[in-house]
């Protein structure tokens, strides 16, 4: 079976230019986005109230920095372990129903915390275990929440929507800890956890109100294991994603020291109570709101790399300042500045990740990003807790601040991708010509594409072809290579393999306009009037052996 595909552009006209975004708050003019955004603010407010109660309770149950770090790690480790499977589920399940189920589970976790607090049976072990279950829910939810954003707003408003989501989280961060600290000091942990349960009810109601398009049935819909492998192949082949992950891991590992040790900083260095700890967290959230509002102006004269480097410097300075036990009012100002820097780095890295991902793999690739982010935070929480136990709180804070400066300066040379490529499907590969229908699970499939190249074009052709190989791997190929005919050096054959016929048909749908441009760069070296000749070779099924016997 053969056809002339995988290289020749079709007559499909180029995508029309997209209109400019309507401002930083344009997504809020869309009712569904506004309702779900408001619901997430309420839900996150409840979650921060729960977290401040748990972080403070553990200091009552144990004064060990390692125990405090364990609670922080228990919240983040599940995201590190489960984010990628969660991303697969977000790409293959109905996202609305999936989110509703997760919210119900998280509500039950907070209800259990409430009952244990009411009965006086809370222990470090039970707190860590329930915090871990809450982290499992967060792991399942995070890539799905982020994946629905492109469903709610058009692409020109995507970066604004991502920034608004970050703003909403930090509105919750500024309100939740402060309210949680006041509830904790005035009424106890049970009431604080109960308020979180109510917030989940409100989020479930908003999701129930949202009437998401179910989408048509598709015989090429992915199953879990295949989708999981496809997501990992994409992440492994995407150099742009590698850059974002590298920058995120080092930033958040060193910056996690403040989050891991802040309960002890509040209690031991600043001599504060639960209410003051909540105000400290609220100050971080208020600073994050200011940073989110300032970010659009900063983008006008600073690159994404400059924003992340500046955020690293400010965060490092804030971390080191806390080591010297400043006056309480000054500590609030320090955390205000750190909150602004934190949200600038977080939003810049998150928006960059969103902008380089096609929709078909968005949930899975974002899950890889969240895995790196939460893995760095979880490892950092454990590491800085152990470091503080060995050299003390001030020493751990100073070491983390110095590490953040050094890492920021070194990684500033690894530039973040611009994220301006057109990743919508080009659909420029015609359907393969078949002698007979092929079952979707048949495989593997070997695709051979023959090019005629003159000798003087050979180096430039190979350079362009190797650039194209990254797109082949991202879109589904698990192996790729290029060969030449020993008898005719002008004949060069590109080959790549996919695991099944269905996966190759999905590959046809995944090729973006940006990939089509790369293919066009390869095609300009091909000689002759006809496009490159392509063949599809499918793994042959072994015939069943005839059975019989001897008389």
Protein backbone atom coordinates (compact mmCIF):
# COMPACT_ATOMS: atom_id res chain seq x y z
CA UNK A 1 0.00 0.00 0.00
CA UNK A 2 1.34 3.41 -0.85
CA UNK A 3 0.35 7.02 -1.19
CA UNK A 4 1.93 10.42 -1.66
CA UNK A 5 1.63 11.89 1.83
CA UNK A 6 3.63 12.96 4.89
CA UNK A 7 5.39 15.77 3.13
CA UNK A 8 3.40 17.42 0.38
CA UNK A 9 1.22 20.29 1.59
CA UNK A 10 -2.40 20.22 0.55
CA UNK A 11 -4.43 23.00 -0.95
CA UNK A 12 -5.86 23.85 2.49
CA UNK A 13 -5.65 27.63 2.88
CA UNK A 14 -3.57 29.02 5.74
CA UNK A 15 -5.31 29.72 9.02
CA UNK A 16 -6.81 33.16 9.26
CA UNK A 17 -4.98 35.52 11.62
CA UNK A 18 -6.47 35.57 15.07
CA UNK A 19 -7.88 38.76 16.50
CA UNK A 20 -6.02 40.50 19.26
CA UNK A 21 -6.95 39.68 22.81
CA UNK A 22 -9.48 42.02 24.41
CA UNK A 23 -7.43 42.86 27.50
CA UNK A 24 -6.31 41.14 30.68
CA UNK A 25 -9.89 40.71 31.98
CA UNK A 26 -11.58 39.83 28.67
CA UNK A 27 -12.17 36.15 29.64
CA UNK A 28 -14.39 37.24 32.55
CA UNK A 29 -16.90 38.57 30.01
CA UNK A 30 -17.59 34.95 29.05
CA UNK A 31 -20.24 33.60 31.48
CA UNK A 32 -18.99 30.01 31.74
CA UNK A 33 -15.41 31.07 32.40
CA UNK A 34 -16.56 33.67 34.91
CA UNK A 35 -18.73 31.20 36.87
CA UNK A 36 -16.07 28.49 36.95
CA UNK A 37 -13.40 31.04 37.80
CA UNK A 38 -15.48 32.30 40.72
CA UNK A 39 -16.09 28.74 41.87
CA UNK A 40 -12.38 27.96 41.84
CA UNK A 41 -11.67 31.08 43.90
CA UNK A 42 -14.16 29.87 46.53
CA UNK A 43 -12.88 26.31 46.38
CA UNK A 44 -9.25 27.36 46.68
CA UNK A 45 -10.13 29.68 49.54
CA UNK A 46 -11.53 26.68 51.41
CA UNK A 47 -8.44 24.62 50.54
CA UNK A 48 -6.10 27.26 51.91
CA UNK A 49 -8.18 27.43 55.08
CA UNK A 50 -7.75 23.66 55.43
CA UNK A 51 -4.02 23.87 54.71
CA UNK A 52 -3.35 26.57 57.29
CA UNK A 53 -5.20 24.51 59.89
CA UNK A 54 -3.20 21.37 59.05
CA UNK A 55 0.14 23.22 58.95
CA UNK A 56 -0.51 24.75 62.37
CA UNK A 57 -1.92 21.62 63.99
CA UNK A 58 1.21 19.64 63.12
CA UNK A 59 3.32 22.15 65.09
CA UNK A 60 1.05 21.42 68.08
CA UNK A 61 1.42 17.68 67.60
CA UNK A 62 5.21 17.76 66.98
CA UNK A 63 7.90 20.45 67.08
CA UNK A 64 10.15 18.53 64.66
CA UNK A 65 10.99 20.42 61.43
CA UNK A 66 11.00 17.05 59.64
CA UNK A 67 7.38 16.42 60.72
CA UNK A 68 6.34 19.85 59.44
CA UNK A 69 8.13 19.16 56.15
CA UNK A 70 6.40 15.76 55.90
CA UNK A 71 2.95 17.36 55.97
CA UNK A 72 3.99 19.76 53.21
CA UNK A 73 5.47 16.87 51.21
CA UNK A 74 2.38 14.70 51.73
CA UNK A 75 0.31 17.37 49.99
CA UNK A 76 2.67 17.64 47.01
CA UNK A 77 4.09 14.14 46.55
CA UNK A 78 0.85 12.66 45.08
CA UNK A 79 0.90 15.29 42.34
CA UNK A 80 4.45 14.24 41.55
CA UNK A 81 3.43 10.55 41.45
CA UNK A 82 0.00 10.79 39.81
CA UNK A 83 -0.08 13.90 37.67
CA UNK A 84 0.78 12.08 34.43
CA UNK A 85 -1.90 9.36 34.81
CA UNK A 86 -4.27 12.17 35.80
CA UNK A 87 -3.34 14.06 32.64
CA UNK A 88 -4.12 10.97 30.56
CA UNK A 89 -7.53 10.70 32.22
CA UNK A 90 -8.19 14.40 31.57
CA UNK A 91 -7.55 13.84 27.84
CA UNK A 92 -9.72 10.72 27.46
CA UNK A 93 -12.59 11.21 29.97
CA UNK A 94 -15.40 13.73 30.20
CA UNK A 95 -13.60 16.49 32.08
CA UNK A 96 -16.73 17.90 33.73
CA UNK A 97 -17.82 14.59 35.26
CA UNK A 98 -14.26 13.78 36.25
CA UNK A 99 -13.95 17.08 38.11
CA UNK A 100 -17.24 16.56 39.92
CA UNK A 101 -16.11 13.14 41.16
CA UNK A 102 -12.82 14.56 42.39
CA UNK A 103 -14.56 17.38 44.27
CA UNK A 104 -16.78 14.86 46.06
CA UNK A 105 -13.71 12.86 47.13
CA UNK A 106 -11.92 15.97 48.40
CA UNK A 107 -14.99 16.98 50.35
CA UNK A 108 -14.96 13.60 52.09
CA UNK A 109 -11.29 14.07 53.05
CA UNK A 110 -12.03 17.42 54.67
CA UNK A 111 -15.06 15.93 56.43
CA UNK A 112 -12.79 13.23 57.90
CA UNK A 113 -10.36 15.88 59.13
CA UNK A 114 -13.26 17.75 60.70
CA UNK A 115 -14.52 14.64 62.55
CA UNK A 116 -11.04 13.75 63.85
CA UNK A 117 -10.57 17.28 65.12
CA UNK A 118 -13.96 17.29 66.83
CA UNK A 119 -13.22 13.99 68.57
CA UNK A 120 -9.66 14.92 69.60
CA UNK A 121 -8.25 11.85 67.82
CA UNK A 122 -5.98 13.71 65.38
CA UNK A 123 -2.39 12.40 65.23
CA UNK A 124 0.59 13.23 63.03
CA UNK A 125 0.09 9.93 61.19
CA UNK A 126 -3.61 10.52 60.49
CA UNK A 127 -2.94 14.12 59.47
CA UNK A 128 -0.19 13.07 57.05
CA UNK A 129 -2.37 10.24 55.64
CA UNK A 130 -5.39 12.48 55.03
CA UNK A 131 -3.18 15.24 53.65
CA UNK A 132 -1.78 12.64 51.24
CA UNK A 133 -5.34 11.69 50.14
CA UNK A 134 -6.09 15.36 49.63
CA UNK A 135 -2.94 15.54 47.52
CA UNK A 136 -4.22 12.60 45.44
CA UNK A 137 -7.36 14.60 44.70
CA UNK A 138 -5.29 17.65 43.83
CA UNK A 139 -3.13 15.51 41.54
CA UNK A 140 -6.18 14.26 39.65
CA UNK A 141 -7.73 17.72 39.48
CA UNK A 142 -4.84 20.01 38.53
CA UNK A 143 -4.21 19.00 34.89
CA UNK A 144 -7.94 18.73 34.23
CA UNK A 145 -8.68 22.26 35.51
CA UNK A 146 -5.88 23.63 33.36
CA UNK A 147 -6.95 21.60 30.34
CA UNK A 148 -10.49 23.03 30.27
CA UNK A 149 -9.25 26.62 29.91
CA UNK A 150 -8.92 26.44 26.08
CA UNK A 151 -12.52 25.12 25.99
CA UNK A 152 -13.77 28.24 27.77
CA UNK A 153 -11.94 31.03 25.90
CA UNK A 154 -10.61 31.54 22.35
CA UNK A 155 -6.86 31.20 21.78
CA UNK A 156 -6.16 34.98 21.71
CA UNK A 157 -7.47 35.15 25.30
CA UNK A 158 -5.63 32.06 26.53
CA UNK A 159 -2.71 33.82 28.22
CA UNK A 160 -5.11 36.24 29.89
CA UNK A 161 -7.21 33.31 31.12
CA UNK A 162 -4.11 31.57 32.51
CA UNK A 163 -3.11 34.79 34.27
CA UNK A 164 -6.64 35.19 35.68
CA UNK A 165 -6.51 31.64 37.01
CA UNK A 166 -3.26 32.46 38.76
CA UNK A 167 -4.82 35.67 40.05
CA UNK A 168 -7.82 33.72 41.35
CA UNK A 169 -5.59 31.24 43.17
CA UNK A 170 -3.78 34.09 44.86
CA UNK A 171 -6.95 35.93 45.75
CA UNK A 172 -7.82 32.71 47.54
CA UNK A 173 -4.29 32.55 48.96
CA UNK A 174 -4.66 36.03 50.43
CA UNK A 175 -8.15 35.42 51.86
CA UNK A 176 -8.05 31.74 52.80
CA UNK A 177 -5.06 31.64 55.17
CA UNK A 178 -6.10 34.83 56.94
CA UNK A 179 -9.70 33.65 57.41
CA UNK A 180 -8.47 30.15 58.24
CA UNK A 181 -6.09 31.50 60.86
CA UNK A 182 -8.87 33.56 62.46
CA UNK A 183 -11.31 30.63 62.44
CA UNK A 184 -8.61 28.36 63.85
CA UNK A 185 -7.75 30.78 66.67
CA UNK A 186 -11.39 31.59 67.45
CA UNK A 187 -13.32 28.35 66.90
CA UNK A 188 -10.79 25.57 66.39
CA UNK A 189 -9.76 23.24 63.58
CA UNK A 190 -13.12 21.48 63.22
CA UNK A 191 -14.90 24.67 62.14
CA UNK A 192 -12.05 25.51 59.74
CA UNK A 193 -12.27 22.10 58.09
CA UNK A 194 -16.08 22.38 57.98
CA UNK A 195 -15.81 25.65 56.04
CA UNK A 196 -13.69 23.81 53.48
CA UNK A 197 -16.40 21.16 53.09
CA UNK A 198 -18.91 23.92 52.26
CA UNK A 199 -16.57 25.31 49.58
CA UNK A 200 -16.55 21.94 47.79
CA UNK A 201 -20.35 21.97 47.68
CA UNK A 202 -20.25 25.34 45.89
CA UNK A 203 -17.68 24.12 43.34
CA UNK A 204 -19.74 20.99 42.60
CA UNK A 205 -22.80 23.20 42.01
CA UNK A 206 -20.91 25.34 39.49
CA UNK A 207 -19.62 22.28 37.62
CA UNK A 208 -23.11 20.79 37.57
CA UNK A 209 -24.42 24.04 36.02
CA UNK A 210 -21.79 23.96 33.24
CA UNK A 211 -23.19 22.21 30.15
CA UNK A 212 -20.04 21.02 28.44
CA UNK A 213 -20.30 19.73 24.88
CA UNK A 214 -19.97 15.96 25.08
CA UNK A 215 -18.28 15.68 21.69
CA UNK A 216 -19.01 13.18 18.97
CA UNK A 217 -18.08 9.53 19.29
CA UNK A 218 -14.81 8.79 17.54
CA UNK A 219 -13.56 5.33 16.66
CA UNK A 220 -10.01 6.67 17.02
CA UNK A 221 -10.55 7.74 20.64
CA UNK A 222 -7.52 6.81 22.73
CA UNK A 223 -7.48 4.28 25.55
CA UNK A 224 -5.57 4.78 28.77
CA UNK A 225 -2.41 2.77 28.09
CA UNK A 226 -1.99 4.01 24.53
CA UNK A 227 -2.73 7.59 25.55
CA UNK A 228 -0.22 7.28 28.39
CA UNK A 229 2.51 6.13 26.01
CA UNK A 230 1.63 8.84 23.49
CA UNK A 231 1.88 11.51 26.19
CA UNK A 232 5.28 10.28 27.34
CA UNK A 233 6.52 10.14 23.73
CA UNK A 234 5.44 13.73 23.21
CA UNK A 235 7.09 14.91 26.43
CA UNK A 236 10.31 13.04 25.59
CA UNK A 237 10.51 14.57 22.08
CA UNK A 238 9.53 18.17 22.89
CA UNK A 239 12.69 20.18 23.51
CA UNK A 240 10.60 23.30 24.23
CA UNK A 241 8.84 21.48 27.05
CA UNK A 242 12.23 20.29 28.37
CA UNK A 243 13.36 23.90 28.71
CA UNK A 244 10.26 24.89 30.69
CA UNK A 245 10.64 21.85 32.95
CA UNK A 246 14.31 22.56 33.62
CA UNK A 247 13.65 26.18 34.56
CA UNK A 248 10.70 25.23 36.75
CA UNK A 249 12.42 22.42 38.66
CA UNK A 250 15.37 24.51 39.82
CA UNK A 251 13.30 27.58 40.66
CA UNK A 252 10.70 25.75 42.71
CA UNK A 253 13.15 23.43 44.48
CA UNK A 254 15.05 26.33 46.03
CA UNK A 255 11.97 28.53 46.47
CA UNK A 256 10.12 25.75 48.34
CA UNK A 257 12.13 26.40 51.52
CA UNK A 258 9.86 29.26 52.56
CA UNK A 259 6.68 27.24 52.03
CA UNK A 260 8.06 24.21 53.88
CA UNK A 261 9.46 26.10 56.86
CA UNK A 262 7.06 29.06 57.19
CA UNK A 263 5.04 27.52 60.08
CA UNK A 264 8.26 27.21 62.11
CA UNK A 265 9.46 30.63 60.98
CA UNK A 266 6.19 32.11 62.25
CA UNK A 267 6.30 30.24 65.55
CA UNK A 268 10.01 30.19 66.42
CA UNK A 269 11.71 33.09 64.62
CA UNK A 270 8.85 35.58 64.60
CA UNK A 271 7.16 34.39 67.83
CA UNK A 272 3.68 34.47 66.30
CA UNK A 273 0.49 32.48 66.87
CA UNK A 274 -1.91 30.73 64.48
CA UNK A 275 -3.65 33.97 63.54
CA UNK A 276 -0.33 35.62 62.70
CA UNK A 277 0.69 32.61 60.61
CA UNK A 278 -2.54 33.01 58.64
CA UNK A 279 -1.79 36.72 58.15
CA UNK A 280 1.68 35.83 56.87
CA UNK A 281 0.18 33.53 54.26
CA UNK A 282 -2.38 36.17 53.46
CA UNK A 283 0.44 38.62 52.86
CA UNK A 284 1.96 36.20 50.33
CA UNK A 285 -1.41 35.98 48.60
CA UNK A 286 -1.90 39.75 48.61
CA UNK A 287 1.54 40.17 47.08
CA UNK A 288 0.63 37.60 44.46
CA UNK A 289 -2.48 39.56 43.55
CA UNK A 290 -0.35 42.67 43.13
CA UNK A 291 2.15 40.72 41.05
CA UNK A 292 -0.60 39.32 38.83
CA UNK A 293 -2.01 42.79 38.23
CA UNK A 294 1.45 44.18 37.54
CA UNK A 295 2.48 41.34 35.23
CA UNK A 296 0.81 42.66 32.02
CA UNK A 297 2.80 45.91 32.38
CA UNK A 298 6.03 44.07 33.11
CA UNK A 299 5.57 41.98 29.97
CA UNK A 300 5.64 45.18 27.91
CA UNK A 301 9.34 45.75 28.60
CA UNK A 302 10.69 42.45 30.01
CA UNK A 303 11.04 39.05 28.38
CA UNK A 304 9.80 35.86 29.99
CA UNK A 305 13.41 35.00 30.87
CA UNK A 306 13.92 38.37 32.49
CA UNK A 307 10.73 38.00 34.52
CA UNK A 308 11.77 34.59 35.87
CA UNK A 309 15.27 35.82 36.73
CA UNK A 310 13.90 38.88 38.51
CA UNK A 311 11.46 36.69 40.42
CA UNK A 312 14.36 34.46 41.50
CA UNK A 313 16.31 37.44 42.86
CA UNK A 314 13.33 38.83 44.80
CA UNK A 315 12.40 35.41 46.21
CA UNK A 316 16.01 34.77 47.26
CA UNK A 317 16.22 38.15 49.00
CA UNK A 318 12.94 37.53 50.82
CA UNK A 319 14.03 34.04 51.93
CA UNK A 320 17.35 35.33 53.26
CA UNK A 321 15.64 38.23 55.06
CA UNK A 322 13.45 35.88 57.06
CA UNK A 323 16.58 34.12 58.36
CA UNK A 324 17.42 37.24 60.41
CA UNK A 325 14.06 37.22 62.30
CA UNK A 326 12.88 40.68 61.19
CA UNK A 327 10.14 42.56 63.06
CA UNK A 328 6.69 41.16 62.40
CA UNK A 329 5.55 44.10 60.32
CA UNK A 330 8.69 43.86 58.18
CA UNK A 331 8.19 40.11 57.72
CA UNK A 332 4.76 40.90 56.28
CA UNK A 333 6.35 43.29 53.76
CA UNK A 334 9.00 40.72 52.87
CA UNK A 335 6.36 38.06 52.18
CA UNK A 336 4.30 40.60 50.24
CA UNK A 337 7.24 41.06 47.87
CA UNK A 338 7.88 37.32 47.72
CA UNK A 339 4.24 36.68 46.80
CA UNK A 340 4.51 39.06 43.86
CA UNK A 341 7.71 37.40 42.65
CA UNK A 342 6.24 33.92 43.13
CA UNK A 343 3.18 34.59 40.99
CA UNK A 344 5.26 36.26 38.26
CA UNK A 345 7.47 33.18 37.97
CA UNK A 346 4.58 30.71 38.29
CA UNK A 347 2.35 32.46 35.75
CA UNK A 348 5.19 33.02 33.27
CA UNK A 349 6.26 29.37 33.33
CA UNK A 350 2.68 28.08 33.26
CA UNK A 351 1.64 30.36 30.40
CA UNK A 352 4.75 29.34 28.45
CA UNK A 353 3.88 25.66 28.94
CA UNK A 354 0.29 26.27 27.81
CA UNK A 355 1.40 28.16 24.71
CA UNK A 356 3.70 25.40 23.39
CA UNK A 357 1.20 22.53 23.70
CA UNK A 358 -1.33 21.33 21.09
CA UNK A 359 -4.80 20.51 22.36
CA UNK A 360 -4.62 16.76 21.70
CA UNK A 361 -1.93 16.26 24.35
CA UNK A 362 -2.49 19.30 26.56
CA UNK A 363 -3.66 17.45 29.66
CA UNK A 364 -0.84 14.92 29.54
CA UNK A 365 1.91 17.43 28.86
CA UNK A 366 0.63 19.82 31.52
CA UNK A 367 0.63 16.84 33.87
CA UNK A 368 4.34 16.35 33.11
CA UNK A 369 4.87 20.03 33.97
CA UNK A 370 2.88 19.64 37.19
CA UNK A 371 4.85 16.51 38.02
CA UNK A 372 8.09 18.46 37.72
CA UNK A 373 6.68 21.41 39.69
CA UNK A 374 5.28 19.36 42.55
CA UNK A 375 8.21 16.95 42.56
CA UNK A 376 10.53 19.92 43.02
CA UNK A 377 8.29 21.31 45.77
CA UNK A 378 7.95 17.93 47.54
CA UNK A 379 11.68 17.14 47.36
CA UNK A 380 12.43 20.67 48.46
CA UNK A 381 10.04 20.46 51.42
CA UNK A 382 11.66 17.26 52.68
CA UNK A 383 15.20 18.48 51.95
CA UNK A 384 14.85 21.87 53.59
CA UNK A 385 13.16 20.31 56.62
CA UNK A 386 16.14 17.97 57.04
CA UNK A 387 18.63 20.79 56.41
CA UNK A 388 16.90 22.95 59.04
CA UNK A 389 17.07 20.07 61.47
CA UNK A 390 20.85 19.87 60.95
CA UNK A 391 21.92 23.52 60.71
CA UNK A 392 18.88 25.39 62.02
CA UNK A 393 16.15 27.46 60.40
CA UNK A 394 18.27 30.55 59.60
CA UNK A 395 20.97 28.45 57.95
CA UNK A 396 18.50 26.54 55.78
CA UNK A 397 16.87 29.78 54.62
CA UNK A 398 20.22 31.35 53.72
CA UNK A 399 21.39 28.27 51.81
CA UNK A 400 18.15 28.10 49.79
CA UNK A 401 18.32 31.81 48.94
CA UNK A 402 21.91 31.54 47.73
CA UNK A 403 21.08 28.44 45.69
CA UNK A 404 18.17 30.23 44.01
CA UNK A 405 20.41 33.11 42.91
CA UNK A 406 23.09 30.80 41.49
CA UNK A 407 20.55 28.58 39.69
CA UNK A 408 18.73 31.62 38.31
CA UNK A 409 21.91 33.10 36.83
CA UNK A 410 23.06 29.83 35.27
CA UNK A 411 19.68 28.87 33.78
CA UNK A 412 19.01 32.37 32.45
CA UNK A 413 21.14 31.29 29.49
CA UNK A 414 18.65 28.52 28.66
CA UNK A 415 16.00 30.68 26.99
CA UNK A 416 12.28 29.94 27.34
CA UNK A 417 10.38 29.26 24.08
CA UNK A 418 8.35 32.12 22.62
CA UNK A 419 5.22 29.97 22.28
CA UNK A 420 3.99 31.73 19.15
CA UNK A 421 3.78 28.76 16.76
CA UNK A 422 0.44 27.80 15.22
CA UNK A 423 -0.33 24.43 16.80
CA UNK A 424 -3.79 23.93 15.33
CA UNK A 425 -4.08 20.78 13.15
CA UNK A 426 -3.03 21.39 9.56
CA UNK A 427 -4.91 18.32 8.25
CA UNK A 428 -2.71 18.46 5.14
CA UNK A 429 -2.02 14.72 4.91
CA UNK A 430 -4.57 12.99 2.66
CA UNK A 431 -6.05 9.73 3.88
CA UNK A 432 -3.76 6.79 3.03
CA UNK A 433 -4.67 4.75 -0.03
CA UNK A 434 -5.60 1.19 0.99
CA UNK A 435 -5.99 -1.99 -0.99
CA UNK A 436 -8.35 -3.25 1.72
CA UNK A 437 -9.63 -1.92 5.05
CA UNK A 438 -7.12 -2.15 7.91
CA UNK A 439 -8.15 -2.92 11.47
CA UNK A 440 -7.23 -0.11 13.84
CA UNK A 441 -5.26 -2.34 16.22
CA UNK A 442 -3.02 -3.75 13.44
CA UNK A 443 0.61 -2.86 13.93
CA UNK A 444 3.29 -1.86 14.13
CA UNK A 445 3.28 0.41 11.08
CA UNK A 446 6.45 1.35 9.22
CA UNK A 447 6.22 4.47 7.03
CA UNK A 448 8.83 4.93 4.29
CA UNK A 449 9.17 8.26 2.45
CA UNK A 450 11.49 8.47 -0.56
CA UNK A 451 13.24 11.75 -1.46
CA UNK A 452 15.41 12.57 -4.47
CA UNK A 453 18.25 14.84 -3.29
CA UNK A 454 21.12 16.29 -5.31
CA UNK A 455 24.57 15.93 -3.63
CA UNK A 456 25.11 19.62 -2.95
CA UNK A 457 21.77 19.84 -1.04
CA UNK A 458 22.46 16.80 1.10
CA UNK A 459 23.80 18.57 4.28
CA UNK A 460 20.99 21.15 4.35
CA UNK A 461 18.39 18.48 3.60
CA UNK A 462 19.56 16.26 6.46
CA UNK A 463 19.59 19.22 8.83
CA UNK A 464 15.97 20.04 7.92
CA UNK A 465 14.97 16.37 8.11
CA UNK A 466 16.38 15.98 11.62
CA UNK A 467 14.35 19.00 12.69
CA UNK A 468 11.29 17.26 11.25
CA UNK A 469 12.11 14.09 13.20
CA UNK A 470 11.19 15.84 16.46
CA UNK A 471 7.70 16.51 15.09
CA UNK A 472 7.35 12.88 13.93
CA UNK A 473 8.22 11.67 17.45
CA UNK A 474 5.98 14.20 19.20
CA UNK A 475 3.01 13.19 17.08
CA UNK A 476 3.31 9.43 17.64
CA UNK A 477 6.44 7.84 16.17
CA UNK A 478 8.39 5.67 18.60
CA UNK A 479 11.35 5.23 16.25
CA UNK A 480 12.75 7.30 13.38
CA UNK A 481 15.68 7.22 10.98
CA UNK A 482 17.00 8.11 7.56
CA UNK A 483 18.81 5.84 5.08
CA UNK A 484 20.25 6.07 1.59
CA UNK A 485 20.20 3.66 -1.34
CA UNK A 486 23.67 2.07 -1.69
CA UNK A 487 23.17 1.78 -5.46
CA UNK A 488 21.72 5.29 -5.89
CA UNK A 489 22.96 7.88 -3.32
CA UNK A 490 20.50 10.48 -4.56
CA UNK A 491 17.65 8.33 -3.21
CA UNK A 492 17.20 8.95 0.52
CA UNK A 493 14.50 7.27 2.58
CA UNK A 494 13.04 8.67 5.78
CA UNK A 495 11.36 6.03 7.94
CA UNK A 496 9.44 6.07 11.18
CA UNK A 497 7.36 3.59 13.15
CA UNK A 498 4.10 3.90 15.06
CA UNK A 499 2.57 1.25 17.26
CA UNK A 500 -0.73 0.72 15.42
CA UNK A 501 -2.75 1.75 12.39
CA UNK A 502 -5.09 3.77 14.61
CA UNK A 503 -2.15 5.64 16.08
CA UNK A 504 -0.93 6.51 12.59
CA UNK A 505 -4.38 7.85 11.67
CA UNK A 506 -4.27 9.94 14.85
CA UNK A 507 -0.87 11.15 13.71
CA UNK A 508 -2.55 12.51 10.57
CA UNK A 509 -4.82 14.63 12.79
CA UNK A 510 -2.05 15.83 15.10
CA UNK A 511 0.30 17.44 12.59
CA UNK A 512 0.15 21.18 13.25
CA UNK A 513 0.57 24.11 10.91
CA UNK A 514 3.97 24.73 12.52
CA UNK A 515 4.98 21.13 11.72
CA UNK A 516 3.68 21.60 8.17
CA UNK A 517 6.05 24.55 7.77
CA UNK A 518 8.96 22.35 8.87
CA UNK A 519 7.88 19.72 6.33
CA UNK A 520 7.76 22.37 3.65
CA UNK A 521 11.39 23.17 4.47
CA UNK A 522 12.27 19.52 3.84
CA UNK A 523 10.27 19.30 0.62
CA UNK A 524 12.07 22.18 -1.07
CA UNK A 525 15.12 19.92 -1.46
CA UNK A 526 13.17 17.12 -3.18
CA UNK A 527 13.81 16.88 -6.91
CA UNK A 528 11.16 16.01 -9.49
CA UNK A 529 7.60 17.00 -10.31
CA UNK A 530 5.96 14.30 -8.19
CA UNK A 531 5.91 14.61 -4.38
CA UNK A 532 7.98 12.19 -2.29
CA UNK A 533 6.70 8.64 -2.56
CA UNK A 534 5.39 7.16 0.72
CA UNK A 535 4.71 3.55 1.66
CA UNK A 536 2.91 2.08 4.65
CA UNK A 537 4.12 -1.33 5.77
CA UNK A 538 1.99 -3.06 8.39
CA UNK A 539 3.13 -5.93 10.57
CA UNK A 540 1.89 -9.16 8.95
CA UNK A 541 -0.20 -11.51 11.04
CA UNK A 542 1.19 -15.00 11.42
CA UNK A 543 -1.28 -17.52 9.92
CA UNK A 544 -2.80 -20.05 12.30
CA UNK A 545 -1.31 -23.51 11.94
CA UNK A 546 -3.56 -26.19 10.51
CA UNK A 547 -4.48 -28.91 12.97
CA UNK A 548 -4.82 -32.55 12.15
CA UNK A 549 -3.73 -36.02 13.18
CA UNK A 550 -2.47 -39.32 11.89
CA UNK A 551 -4.64 -42.35 11.46
